Amino acid sequence: MEGYTKIEKAMAKELKDIPETSILKSIPGVGNITTARFLGEIGSVDNFKDDDTLALYVGLGLLPDESGKKNQRKIKEGKGHWQAVKCLARNMLRVIYAMLKNKTMYQLDFKKQEVKLAEAA
């Protein structure tokens, strides 16, 4: 465990000078390890023409021959859960791409949250 702490401290020191660090760490649950792995894998978001290109790179994009019919077939084959997980991950990647491209921090939409809480009551 002590070695792990040393590595995490070294990561934090290296990440300190990378502007994208504060953007990624503004997402709840994202820390030094996730930030280092993500940035280490993609380099700069400017390496990708759009979020679809980034999604293909990280394995979350649809290939040109994947149609809605194919996805429906997968759901019928009992793969609905994993399709949903992939969809959520793809949506989060779209948000991360926009945050990095526009240099904005993560923001929770409190208005929508309040509406959901009011509907639940």
C-alpha atoms as a PDB file:
ATOM      1  CA  MET A   1       0.000   0.000   0.000  1.00  0.00           C
ATOM      2  CA  GLU A   2       2.891   2.324   0.725  1.00  0.00           C
ATOM      3  CA  GLY A   3       4.238   1.898  -2.824  1.00  0.00           C
ATOM      4  CA  TYR A   4       0.802   2.720  -4.187  1.00  0.00           C
ATOM      5  CA  THR A   5       0.718   5.970  -2.189  1.00  0.00           C
ATOM      6  CA  LYS A   6       4.146   6.941  -3.556  1.00  0.00           C
ATOM      7  CA  ILE A   7       2.973   6.350  -7.117  1.00  0.00           C
ATOM      8  CA  GLU A   8      -0.200   8.363  -6.586  1.00  0.00           C
ATOM      9  CA  LYS A   9       1.810  11.249  -5.090  1.00  0.00           C
ATOM     10  CA  ALA A  10       4.168  11.160  -8.087  1.00  0.00           C
ATOM     11  CA  MET A  11       1.164  11.222 -10.430  1.00  0.00           C
ATOM     12  CA  ALA A  12      -0.325  14.209  -8.613  1.00  0.00           C
ATOM     13  CA  LYS A  13       2.991  16.063  -8.914  1.00  0.00           C
ATOM     14  CA  GLU A  14       3.218  15.390 -12.665  1.00  0.00           C
ATOM     15  CA  LEU A  15      -0.451  16.218 -13.288  1.00  0.00           C
ATOM     16  CA  LYS A  16      -0.205  19.555 -11.478  1.00  0.00           C
ATOM     17  CA  ASP A  17       1.283  21.280 -14.529  1.00  0.00           C
ATOM     18  CA  ILE A  18      -1.202  19.855 -17.059  1.00  0.00           C
ATOM     19  CA  PRO A  19      -4.143  22.248 -17.620  1.00  0.00           C
ATOM     20  CA  GLU A  20      -6.597  19.442 -18.469  1.00  0.00           C
ATOM     21  CA  THR A  21      -6.114  17.940 -15.008  1.00  0.00           C
ATOM     22  CA  SER A  22      -8.392  20.393 -13.218  1.00  0.00           C
ATOM     23  CA  ILE A  23     -11.052  19.977 -15.922  1.00  0.00           C
ATOM     24  CA  LEU A  24     -11.134  16.190 -15.627  1.00  0.00           C
ATOM     25  CA  LYS A  25     -10.925  16.219 -11.833  1.00  0.00           C
ATOM     26  CA  SER A  26     -13.985  18.481 -11.695  1.00  0.00           C
ATOM     27  CA  ILE A  27     -16.026  15.371 -12.611  1.00  0.00           C
ATOM     28  CA  PRO A  28     -17.284  13.656  -9.438  1.00  0.00           C
ATOM     29  CA  GLY A  29     -15.319  10.463  -8.809  1.00  0.00           C
ATOM     30  CA  VAL A  30     -12.409  11.310 -11.129  1.00  0.00           C
ATOM     31  CA  GLY A  31      -9.071  11.534  -9.370  1.00  0.00           C
ATOM     32  CA  ASN A  32      -5.380  11.440 -10.186  1.00  0.00           C
ATOM     33  CA  ILE A  33      -5.264   7.845 -11.404  1.00  0.00           C
ATOM     34  CA  THR A  34      -8.211   8.159 -13.796  1.00  0.00           C
ATOM     35  CA  THR A  35      -6.932  11.513 -15.051  1.00  0.00           C
ATOM     36  CA  ALA A  36      -3.416  10.173 -15.640  1.00  0.00           C
ATOM     37  CA  ARG A  37      -4.700   7.075 -17.431  1.00  0.00           C
ATOM     38  CA  PHE A  38      -7.088   9.047 -19.628  1.00  0.00           C
ATOM     39  CA  LEU A  39      -4.595  11.743 -20.604  1.00  0.00           C
ATOM     40  CA  GLY A  40      -1.828   9.168 -20.976  1.00  0.00           C
ATOM     41  CA  GLU A  41      -3.988   7.208 -23.391  1.00  0.00           C
ATOM     42  CA  ILE A  42      -5.340  10.017 -25.577  1.00  0.00           C
ATOM     43  CA  GLY A  43      -2.653  12.681 -25.213  1.00  0.00           C
ATOM     44  CA  SER A  44      -4.436  15.858 -26.247  1.00  0.00           C
ATOM     45  CA  VAL A  45      -8.094  16.089 -27.205  1.00  0.00           C
ATOM     46  CA  ASP A  46      -6.825  18.073 -30.193  1.00  0.00           C
ATOM     47  CA  ASN A  47      -5.558  14.772 -31.615  1.00  0.00           C
ATOM     48  CA  PHE A  48      -9.183  13.966 -32.475  1.00  0.00           C
ATOM     49  CA  LYS A  49     -11.329  15.802 -35.011  1.00  0.00           C
ATOM     50  CA  ASP A  50     -14.524  15.224 -32.981  1.00  0.00           C
ATOM     51  CA  ASP A  51     -16.023  13.136 -30.190  1.00  0.00           C
ATOM     52  CA  ASP A  52     -16.942  10.352 -32.647  1.00  0.00           C
ATOM     53  CA  THR A  53     -13.285   9.944 -33.589  1.00  0.00           C
ATOM     54  CA  LEU A  54     -12.309   9.807 -29.918  1.00  0.00           C
ATOM     55  CA  ALA A  55     -15.070   7.269 -29.262  1.00  0.00           C
ATOM     56  CA  LEU A  56     -13.730   5.019 -32.025  1.00  0.00           C
ATOM     57  CA  TYR A  57     -10.225   5.343 -30.592  1.00  0.00           C
ATOM     58  CA  VAL A  58     -11.280   4.231 -27.104  1.00  0.00           C
ATOM     59  CA  GLY A  59     -13.585   1.484 -28.394  1.00  0.00           C
ATOM     60  CA  LEU A  60     -16.952   3.152 -27.802  1.00  0.00           C
ATOM     61  CA  GLY A  61     -17.829   4.209 -31.332  1.00  0.00           C
ATOM     62  CA  LEU A  62     -20.041   2.503 -33.841  1.00  0.00           C
ATOM     63  CA  LEU A  63     -18.209   1.176 -36.838  1.00  0.00           C
ATOM     64  CA  PRO A  64     -19.687   2.132 -40.210  1.00  0.00           C
ATOM     65  CA  ASP A  65     -21.368  -1.273 -40.650  1.00  0.00           C
ATOM     66  CA  GLU A  66     -23.079  -1.233 -37.233  1.00  0.00           C
ATOM     67  CA  SER A  67     -26.694  -0.282 -37.704  1.00  0.00           C
ATOM     68  CA  GLY A  68     -29.612   0.183 -35.385  1.00  0.00           C
ATOM     69  CA  LYS A  69     -30.918  -3.198 -36.556  1.00  0.00           C
ATOM     70  CA  LYS A  70     -27.718  -4.882 -35.402  1.00  0.00           C
ATOM     71  CA  ASN A  71     -27.993  -3.210 -31.994  1.00  0.00           C
ATOM     72  CA  GLN A  72     -31.647  -4.283 -31.696  1.00  0.00           C
ATOM     73  CA  ARG A  73     -30.580  -7.841 -32.487  1.00  0.00           C
ATOM     74  CA  LYS A  74     -27.951  -7.699 -29.744  1.00  0.00           C
ATOM     75  CA  ILE A  75     -30.581  -6.552 -27.251  1.00  0.00           C
ATOM     76  CA  LYS A  76     -32.837  -9.447 -28.273  1.00  0.00           C
ATOM     77  CA  GLU A  77     -29.843 -11.752 -27.725  1.00  0.00           C
ATOM     78  CA  GLY A  78     -29.784 -10.632 -24.089  1.00  0.00           C
ATOM     79  CA  LYS A  79     -27.018  -8.072 -24.407  1.00  0.00           C
ATOM     80  CA  GLY A  80     -29.169  -5.128 -23.358  1.00  0.00           C
ATOM     81  CA  HIS A  81     -27.308  -4.380 -20.132  1.00  0.00           C
ATOM     82  CA  TRP A  82     -23.909  -4.080 -21.785  1.00  0.00           C
ATOM     83  CA  GLN A  83     -25.351  -2.037 -24.614  1.00  0.00           C
ATOM     84  CA  ALA A  84     -26.738   0.336 -21.971  1.00  0.00           C
ATOM     85  CA  VAL A  85     -23.370   0.513 -20.184  1.00  0.00           C
ATOM     86  CA  LYS A  86     -21.640   1.256 -23.487  1.00  0.00           C
ATOM     87  CA  CYS A  87     -24.221   3.952 -24.237  1.00  0.00           C
ATOM     88  CA  LEU A  88     -23.673   5.624 -20.850  1.00  0.00           C
ATOM     89  CA  ALA A  89     -19.904   5.488 -21.285  1.00  0.00           C
ATOM     90  CA  ARG A  90     -20.236   6.978 -24.776  1.00  0.00           C
ATOM     91  CA  ASN A  91     -22.377   9.823 -23.441  1.00  0.00           C
ATOM     92  CA  MET A  92     -19.853  10.542 -20.686  1.00  0.00           C
ATOM     93  CA  LEU A  93     -17.045  10.543 -23.254  1.00  0.00           C
ATOM     94  CA  ARG A  94     -19.017  13.074 -25.327  1.00  0.00           C
ATOM     95  CA  VAL A  95     -19.247  15.331 -22.250  1.00  0.00           C
ATOM     96  CA  ILE A  96     -15.537  14.912 -21.460  1.00  0.00           C
ATOM     97  CA  TYR A  97     -14.590  15.734 -25.051  1.00  0.00           C
ATOM     98  CA  ALA A  98     -16.672  18.929 -24.959  1.00  0.00           C
ATOM     99  CA  MET A  99     -15.255  19.912 -21.562  1.00  0.00           C
ATOM    100  CA  LEU A 100     -11.666  19.500 -22.741  1.00  0.00           C
ATOM    101  CA  LYS A 101     -12.269  21.144 -26.112  1.00  0.00           C
ATOM    102  CA  ASN A 102     -14.076  24.146 -24.581  1.00  0.00           C
ATOM    103  CA  LYS A 103     -11.914  24.221 -21.439  1.00  0.00           C
ATOM    104  CA  THR A 104     -14.917  24.130 -19.104  1.00  0.00           C
ATOM    105  CA  MET A 105     -15.423  22.429 -15.773  1.00  0.00           C
ATOM    106  CA  TYR A 106     -18.048  19.772 -15.119  1.00  0.00           C
ATOM    107  CA  GLN A 107     -21.369  21.268 -14.091  1.00  0.00           C
ATOM    108  CA  LEU A 108     -24.366  19.418 -12.751  1.00  0.00           C
ATOM    109  CA  ASP A 109     -27.615  20.771 -14.161  1.00  0.00           C
ATOM    110  CA  PHE A 110     -29.300  21.659 -10.895  1.00  0.00           C
ATOM    111  CA  LYS A 111     -32.554  22.761 -12.551  1.00  0.00           C
ATOM    112  CA  LYS A 112     -33.118  19.317 -14.052  1.00  0.00           C
ATOM    113  CA  GLN A 113     -32.091  17.732 -10.748  1.00  0.00           C
ATOM    114  CA  GLU A 114     -34.680  19.805  -8.862  1.00  0.00           C
ATOM    115  CA  VAL A 115     -37.388  18.793 -11.349  1.00  0.00           C
ATOM    116  CA  LYS A 116     -36.537  15.111 -10.899  1.00  0.00           C
ATOM    117  CA  LEU A 117     -36.619  15.474  -7.115  1.00  0.00           C
ATOM    118  CA  ALA A 118     -39.978  17.281  -7.283  1.00  0.00           C
ATOM    119  CA  GLU A 119     -41.447  14.549  -9.514  1.00  0.00           C
ATOM    120  CA  ALA A 120     -40.263  11.847  -7.126  1.00  0.00           C
ATOM    121  CA  ALA A 121     -41.996  13.475  -4.153  1.00  0.00           C
END
